[in-house]
PDB file of N, CA and C in Angstrom:
ATOM      1  N   MET A   1     -18.402 -13.496 -13.479  1.00  0.00           N
ATOM      2  CA  MET A   1     -19.014 -12.276 -12.890  1.00  0.00           C
ATOM      3  C   MET A   1     -18.900 -11.201 -13.904  1.00  0.00           C
ATOM      4  N   PHE A   2     -17.710 -10.944 -14.580  1.00  0.00           N
ATOM      5  CA  PHE A   2     -17.562  -9.899 -15.604  1.00  0.00           C
ATOM      6  C   PHE A   2     -17.529 -10.650 -16.999  1.00  0.00           C
ATOM      7  N   GLY A   3     -18.668 -10.549 -17.797  1.00  0.00           N
ATOM      8  CA  GLY A   3     -18.738 -11.039 -19.010  1.00  0.00           C
ATOM      9  C   GLY A   3     -18.422 -12.537 -19.254  1.00  0.00           C
ATOM     10  N   GLY A   4     -18.362 -13.233 -18.114  1.00  0.00           N
ATOM     11  CA  GLY A   4     -18.205 -14.721 -18.173  1.00  0.00           C
ATOM     12  C   GLY A   4     -16.747 -15.148 -18.463  1.00  0.00           C
ATOM     13  N   LYS A   5     -15.809 -14.082 -18.473  1.00  0.00           N
ATOM     14  CA  LYS A   5     -14.440 -14.436 -18.769  1.00  0.00           C
ATOM     15  C   LYS A   5     -13.754 -15.046 -17.545  1.00  0.00           C
ATOM     16  N   LYS A   6     -13.101 -16.174 -17.665  1.00  0.00           N
ATOM     17  CA  LYS A   6     -12.390 -16.752 -16.507  1.00  0.00           C
ATOM     18  C   LYS A   6     -10.967 -16.401 -16.488  1.00  0.00           C
ATOM     19  N   GLU A   7     -10.600 -15.643 -15.485  1.00  0.00           N
ATOM     20  CA  GLU A   7      -9.197 -15.270 -15.386  1.00  0.00           C
ATOM     21  C   GLU A   7      -8.632 -15.765 -13.921  1.00  0.00           C
ATOM     22  N   SER A   8      -8.504 -17.053 -13.869  1.00  0.00           N
ATOM     23  CA  SER A   8      -8.151 -17.584 -12.481  1.00  0.00           C
ATOM     24  C   SER A   8      -6.687 -17.488 -12.272  1.00  0.00           C
ATOM     25  N   GLU A   9      -5.937 -17.119 -13.289  1.00  0.00           N
ATOM     26  CA  GLU A   9      -4.434 -16.959 -13.080  1.00  0.00           C
ATOM     27  C   GLU A   9      -4.145 -15.707 -12.496  1.00  0.00           C
ATOM     28  N   LYS A  10      -5.079 -14.742 -12.519  1.00  0.00           N
ATOM     29  CA  LYS A  10      -4.835 -13.376 -12.048  1.00  0.00           C
ATOM     30  C   LYS A  10      -5.099 -13.380 -10.538  1.00  0.00           C
ATOM     31  N   PRO A  11      -4.142 -12.832  -9.683  1.00  0.00           N
ATOM     32  CA  PRO A  11      -4.330 -12.657  -8.278  1.00  0.00           C
ATOM     33  C   PRO A  11      -5.514 -11.676  -8.108  1.00  0.00           C
ATOM     34  N   PRO A  12      -6.225 -11.830  -7.004  1.00  0.00           N
ATOM     35  CA  PRO A  12      -7.281 -10.939  -6.722  1.00  0.00           C
ATOM     36  C   PRO A  12      -6.688  -9.566  -6.379  1.00  0.00           C
ATOM     37  N   GLY A  13      -7.370  -8.471  -6.714  1.00  0.00           N
ATOM     38  CA  GLY A  13      -6.963  -7.115  -6.498  1.00  0.00           C
ATOM     39  C   GLY A  13      -6.244  -6.547  -7.608  1.00  0.00           C
ATOM     40  N   VAL A  14      -6.034  -7.213  -8.731  1.00  0.00           N
ATOM     41  CA  VAL A  14      -5.333  -6.558  -9.905  1.00  0.00           C
ATOM     42  C   VAL A  14      -6.364  -5.850 -10.724  1.00  0.00           C
ATOM     43  N   PHE A  15      -5.984  -4.612 -11.025  1.00  0.00           N
ATOM     44  CA  PHE A  15      -7.050  -3.820 -11.745  1.00  0.00           C
ATOM     45  C   PHE A  15      -6.928  -4.106 -13.123  1.00  0.00           C
ATOM     46  N   GLU A  16      -7.995  -4.461 -13.836  1.00  0.00           N
ATOM     47  CA  GLU A  16      -8.037  -4.928 -15.205  1.00  0.00           C
ATOM     48  C   GLU A  16      -8.616  -3.840 -16.124  1.00  0.00           C
ATOM     49  N   ILE A  17      -7.877  -3.339 -17.003  1.00  0.00           N
ATOM     50  CA  ILE A  17      -8.335  -2.300 -18.037  1.00  0.00           C
ATOM     51  C   ILE A  17      -8.494  -3.084 -19.335  1.00  0.00           C
ATOM     52  N   PRO A  18      -9.891  -3.227 -19.746  1.00  0.00           N
ATOM     53  CA  PRO A  18     -10.242  -3.983 -20.952  1.00  0.00           C
ATOM     54  C   PRO A  18      -9.479  -3.506 -22.158  1.00  0.00           C
ATOM     55  N   GLY A  19      -8.891  -4.426 -22.896  1.00  0.00           N
ATOM     56  CA  GLY A  19      -8.178  -4.093 -24.139  1.00  0.00           C
ATOM     57  C   GLY A  19      -6.726  -3.742 -24.032  1.00  0.00           C
ATOM     58  N   SER A  20      -6.289  -3.512 -22.796  1.00  0.00           N
ATOM     59  CA  SER A  20      -4.808  -3.061 -22.601  1.00  0.00           C
ATOM     60  C   SER A  20      -4.340  -3.643 -21.384  1.00  0.00           C
ATOM     61  N   PRO A  21      -3.984  -4.980 -21.373  1.00  0.00           N
ATOM     62  CA  PRO A  21      -3.420  -5.612 -20.144  1.00  0.00           C
ATOM     63  C   PRO A  21      -2.050  -5.134 -19.774  1.00  0.00           C
ATOM     64  N   GLU A  22      -1.247  -4.649 -20.792  1.00  0.00           N
ATOM     65  CA  GLU A  22       0.068  -4.126 -20.465  1.00  0.00           C
ATOM     66  C   GLU A  22      -0.118  -2.924 -19.569  1.00  0.00           C
ATOM     67  N   LEU A  23      -0.971  -2.024 -20.042  1.00  0.00           N
ATOM     68  CA  LEU A  23      -1.249  -0.736 -19.230  1.00  0.00           C
ATOM     69  C   LEU A  23      -1.693  -1.070 -17.881  1.00  0.00           C
ATOM     70  N   SER A  24      -2.624  -2.125 -17.869  1.00  0.00           N
ATOM     71  CA  SER A  24      -3.231  -2.507 -16.576  1.00  0.00           C
ATOM     72  C   SER A  24      -2.091  -3.035 -15.628  1.00  0.00           C
ATOM     73  N   GLN A  25      -1.228  -3.826 -16.123  1.00  0.00           N
ATOM     74  CA  GLN A  25      -0.101  -4.363 -15.377  1.00  0.00           C
ATOM     75  C   GLN A  25       0.795  -3.277 -14.879  1.00  0.00           C
ATOM     76  N   SER A  26       1.180  -2.293 -15.735  1.00  0.00           N
ATOM     77  CA  SER A  26       2.052  -1.254 -15.346  1.00  0.00           C
ATOM     78  C   SER A  26       1.406  -0.398 -14.345  1.00  0.00           C
ATOM     79  N   GLN A  27       0.162  -0.054 -14.519  1.00  0.00           N
ATOM     80  CA  GLN A  27      -0.575   0.843 -13.573  1.00  0.00           C
ATOM     81  C   GLN A  27      -0.677   0.100 -12.248  1.00  0.00           C
ATOM     82  N   TYR A  28      -0.943  -1.201 -12.256  1.00  0.00           N
ATOM     83  CA  TYR A  28      -0.979  -1.934 -11.004  1.00  0.00           C
ATOM     84  C   TYR A  28       0.266  -1.904 -10.231  1.00  0.00           C
ATOM     85  N   GLY A  29       1.362  -2.052 -11.033  1.00  0.00           N
ATOM     86  CA  GLY A  29       2.635  -2.052 -10.364  1.00  0.00           C
ATOM     87  C   GLY A  29       2.939  -0.672  -9.780  1.00  0.00           C
ATOM     88  N   ALA A  30       2.507   0.411 -10.376  1.00  0.00           N
ATOM     89  CA  ALA A  30       2.766   1.775  -9.905  1.00  0.00           C
ATOM     90  C   ALA A  30       1.937   1.929  -8.580  1.00  0.00           C
ATOM     91  N   VAL A  31       0.663   1.544  -8.765  1.00  0.00           N
ATOM     92  CA  VAL A  31      -0.200   1.572  -7.543  1.00  0.00           C
ATOM     93  C   VAL A  31       0.275   0.820  -6.350  1.00  0.00           C
ATOM     94  N   ASP A  32       0.784  -0.419  -6.594  1.00  0.00           N
ATOM     95  CA  ASP A  32       1.386  -1.198  -5.590  1.00  0.00           C
ATOM     96  C   ASP A  32       2.505  -0.607  -5.046  1.00  0.00           C
ATOM     97  N   ARG A  33       3.498   0.010  -5.832  1.00  0.00           N
ATOM     98  CA  ARG A  33       4.661   0.617  -5.308  1.00  0.00           C
ATOM     99  C   ARG A  33       4.369   1.806  -4.403  1.00  0.00           C
ATOM    100  N   SER A  34       3.358   2.642  -4.911  1.00  0.00           N
ATOM    101  CA  SER A  34       2.940   3.853  -4.095  1.00  0.00           C
ATOM    102  C   SER A  34       2.364   3.383  -2.772  1.00  0.00           C
ATOM    103  N   VAL A  35       1.544   2.387  -2.873  1.00  0.00           N
ATOM    104  CA  VAL A  35       0.807   1.886  -1.620  1.00  0.00           C
ATOM    105  C   VAL A  35       2.016   1.365  -0.695  1.00  0.00           C
ATOM    106  N   ARG A  36       2.968   0.690  -1.123  1.00  0.00           N
ATOM    107  CA  ARG A  36       4.001   0.122  -0.310  1.00  0.00           C
ATOM    108  C   ARG A  36       4.866   1.318   0.366  1.00  0.00           C
ATOM    109  N   SER A  37       5.133   2.313  -0.521  1.00  0.00           N
ATOM    110  CA  SER A  37       5.881   3.430   0.011  1.00  0.00           C
ATOM    111  C   SER A  37       5.091   4.243   1.091  1.00  0.00           C
ATOM    112  N   LEU A  38       3.734   4.363   0.827  1.00  0.00           N
ATOM    113  CA  LEU A  38       2.808   4.955   1.771  1.00  0.00           C
ATOM    114  C   LEU A  38       2.771   4.125   3.027  1.00  0.00           C
ATOM    115  N   ASN A  39       2.835   2.973   2.941  1.00  0.00           N
ATOM    116  CA  ASN A  39       2.801   2.045   4.179  1.00  0.00           C
ATOM    117  C   ASN A  39       4.029   2.342   4.941  1.00  0.00           C
ATOM    118  N   ARG A  40       5.135   2.333   4.234  1.00  0.00           N
ATOM    119  CA  ARG A  40       6.509   2.572   4.920  1.00  0.00           C
ATOM    120  C   ARG A  40       6.423   3.894   5.556  1.00  0.00           C
ATOM    121  N   PHE A  41       5.904   4.862   4.786  1.00  0.00           N
ATOM    122  CA  PHE A  41       5.873   6.276   5.296  1.00  0.00           C
ATOM    123  C   PHE A  41       4.955   6.369   6.658  1.00  0.00           C
ATOM    124  N   SER A  42       3.808   5.694   6.616  1.00  0.00           N
ATOM    125  CA  SER A  42       2.950   5.819   7.871  1.00  0.00           C
ATOM    126  C   SER A  42       3.604   5.020   8.927  1.00  0.00           C
ATOM    127  N   VAL A  43       4.343   3.936   8.685  1.00  0.00           N
ATOM    128  CA  VAL A  43       4.970   3.164   9.733  1.00  0.00           C
ATOM    129  C   VAL A  43       6.119   4.051  10.349  1.00  0.00           C
ATOM    130  N   GLY A  44       6.813   4.797   9.468  1.00  0.00           N
ATOM    131  CA  GLY A  44       7.831   5.659   9.966  1.00  0.00           C
ATOM    132  C   GLY A  44       7.255   6.750  10.845  1.00  0.00           C
ATOM    133  N   ILE A  45       6.148   7.294  10.433  1.00  0.00           N
ATOM    134  CA  ILE A  45       5.464   8.456  11.203  1.00  0.00           C
ATOM    135  C   ILE A  45       5.097   7.848  12.572  1.00  0.00           C
ATOM    136  N   ARG A  46       4.485   6.720  12.529  1.00  0.00           N
ATOM    137  CA  ARG A  46       4.080   6.180  13.824  1.00  0.00           C
ATOM    138  C   ARG A  46       5.337   5.826  14.711  1.00  0.00           C
ATOM    139  N   GLY A  47       6.311   5.365  14.114  1.00  0.00           N
ATOM    140  CA  GLY A  47       7.497   4.934  14.906  1.00  0.00           C
ATOM    141  C   GLY A  47       8.093   6.213  15.425  1.00  0.00           C
ATOM    142  N   SER A  48       8.144   7.289  14.772  1.00  0.00           N
ATOM    143  CA  SER A  48       8.751   8.598  15.248  1.00  0.00           C
ATOM    144  C   SER A  48       7.842   9.139  16.458  1.00  0.00           C
ATOM    145  N   PHE A  49       6.538   8.924  16.253  1.00  0.00           N
ATOM    146  CA  PHE A  49       5.595   9.412  17.315  1.00  0.00           C
ATOM    147  C   PHE A  49       5.874   8.531  18.555  1.00  0.00           C
ATOM    148  N   LEU A  50       6.086   7.309  18.399  1.00  0.00           N
ATOM    149  CA  LEU A  50       6.285   6.456  19.621  1.00  0.00           C
ATOM    150  C   LEU A  50       7.536   6.944  20.253  1.00  0.00           C
ATOM    151  N   VAL A  51       8.629   7.175  19.459  1.00  0.00           N
ATOM    152  CA  VAL A  51       9.914   7.643  20.094  1.00  0.00           C
ATOM    153  C   VAL A  51       9.650   9.014  20.797  1.00  0.00           C
ATOM    154  N   LEU A  52       8.902   9.835  20.151  1.00  0.00           N
ATOM    155  CA  LEU A  52       8.693  11.107  20.752  1.00  0.00           C
ATOM    156  C   LEU A  52       7.955  11.033  22.087  1.00  0.00           C
ATOM    157  N   ASN A  53       6.976  10.086  22.049  1.00  0.00           N
ATOM    158  CA  ASN A  53       6.215   9.975  23.309  1.00  0.00           C
ATOM    159  C   ASN A  53       7.119   9.346  24.446  1.00  0.00           C
ATOM    160  N   ARG A  54       7.939   8.451  23.958  1.00  0.00           N
ATOM    161  CA  ARG A  54       8.899   7.882  24.989  1.00  0.00           C
ATOM    162  C   ARG A  54       9.801   9.073  25.627  1.00  0.00           C
ATOM    163  N   ASP A  55      10.314   9.798  24.736  1.00  0.00           N
ATOM    164  CA  ASP A  55      11.194  10.940  25.280  1.00  0.00           C
ATOM    165  C   ASP A  55      10.368  11.825  26.128  1.00  0.00           C
ATOM    166  N   LEU A  56       9.118  12.142  25.770  1.00  0.00           N
ATOM    167  CA  LEU A  56       8.328  13.030  26.569  1.00  0.00           C
ATOM    168  C   LEU A  56       7.979  12.367  27.890  1.00  0.00           C
ATOM    169  N   ASP A  57       7.810  11.134  27.964  1.00  0.00           N
ATOM    170  CA  ASP A  57       7.547  10.452  29.260  1.00  0.00           C
ATOM    171  C   ASP A  57       8.735  10.531  30.193  1.00  0.00           C
ATOM    172  N   LYS A  58       9.913  10.293  29.436  1.00  0.00           N
ATOM    173  CA  LYS A  58      11.176  10.231  30.217  1.00  0.00           C
ATOM    174  C   LYS A  58      11.431  11.714  30.812  1.00  0.00           C
ATOM    175  N   SER A  59      11.087  12.724  30.072  1.00  0.00           N
ATOM    176  CA  SER A  59      11.332  14.052  30.581  1.00  0.00           C
ATOM    177  C   SER A  59      10.375  14.546  31.593  1.00  0.00           C
ATOM    178  N   GLU A  60       9.320  13.881  31.648  1.00  0.00           N
ATOM    179  CA  GLU A  60       8.202  14.325  32.615  1.00  0.00           C
ATOM    180  C   GLU A  60       8.787  14.119  34.067  1.00  0.00           C
ATOM    181  N   PRO A  61       8.610  15.163  34.887  1.00  0.00           N
ATOM    182  CA  PRO A  61       9.014  15.003  36.244  1.00  0.00           C
ATOM    183  C   PRO A  61       8.187  13.998  37.055  1.00  0.00           C
ATOM    184  N   GLY A  62       8.730  13.246  37.982  1.00  0.00           N
ATOM    185  CA  GLY A  62       8.156  12.283  38.702  1.00  0.00           C
ATOM    186  C   GLY A  62       7.781  11.005  37.912  1.00  0.00           C
TER     187      GLY A  62
END
């Protein structure tokens, strides 16, 4: 697809910067870490909202 270079050993989703694979790898690692921390963050937000909703339901009269 890209220049006919076969890179089957690379997992899909790895960002390739031509001419500097080391930079590409480190950047991919940084992106991967930030995405993971973002996922943890959004999960934490969702979890706290669920807890808040539970508490609100409990405090509702009736």
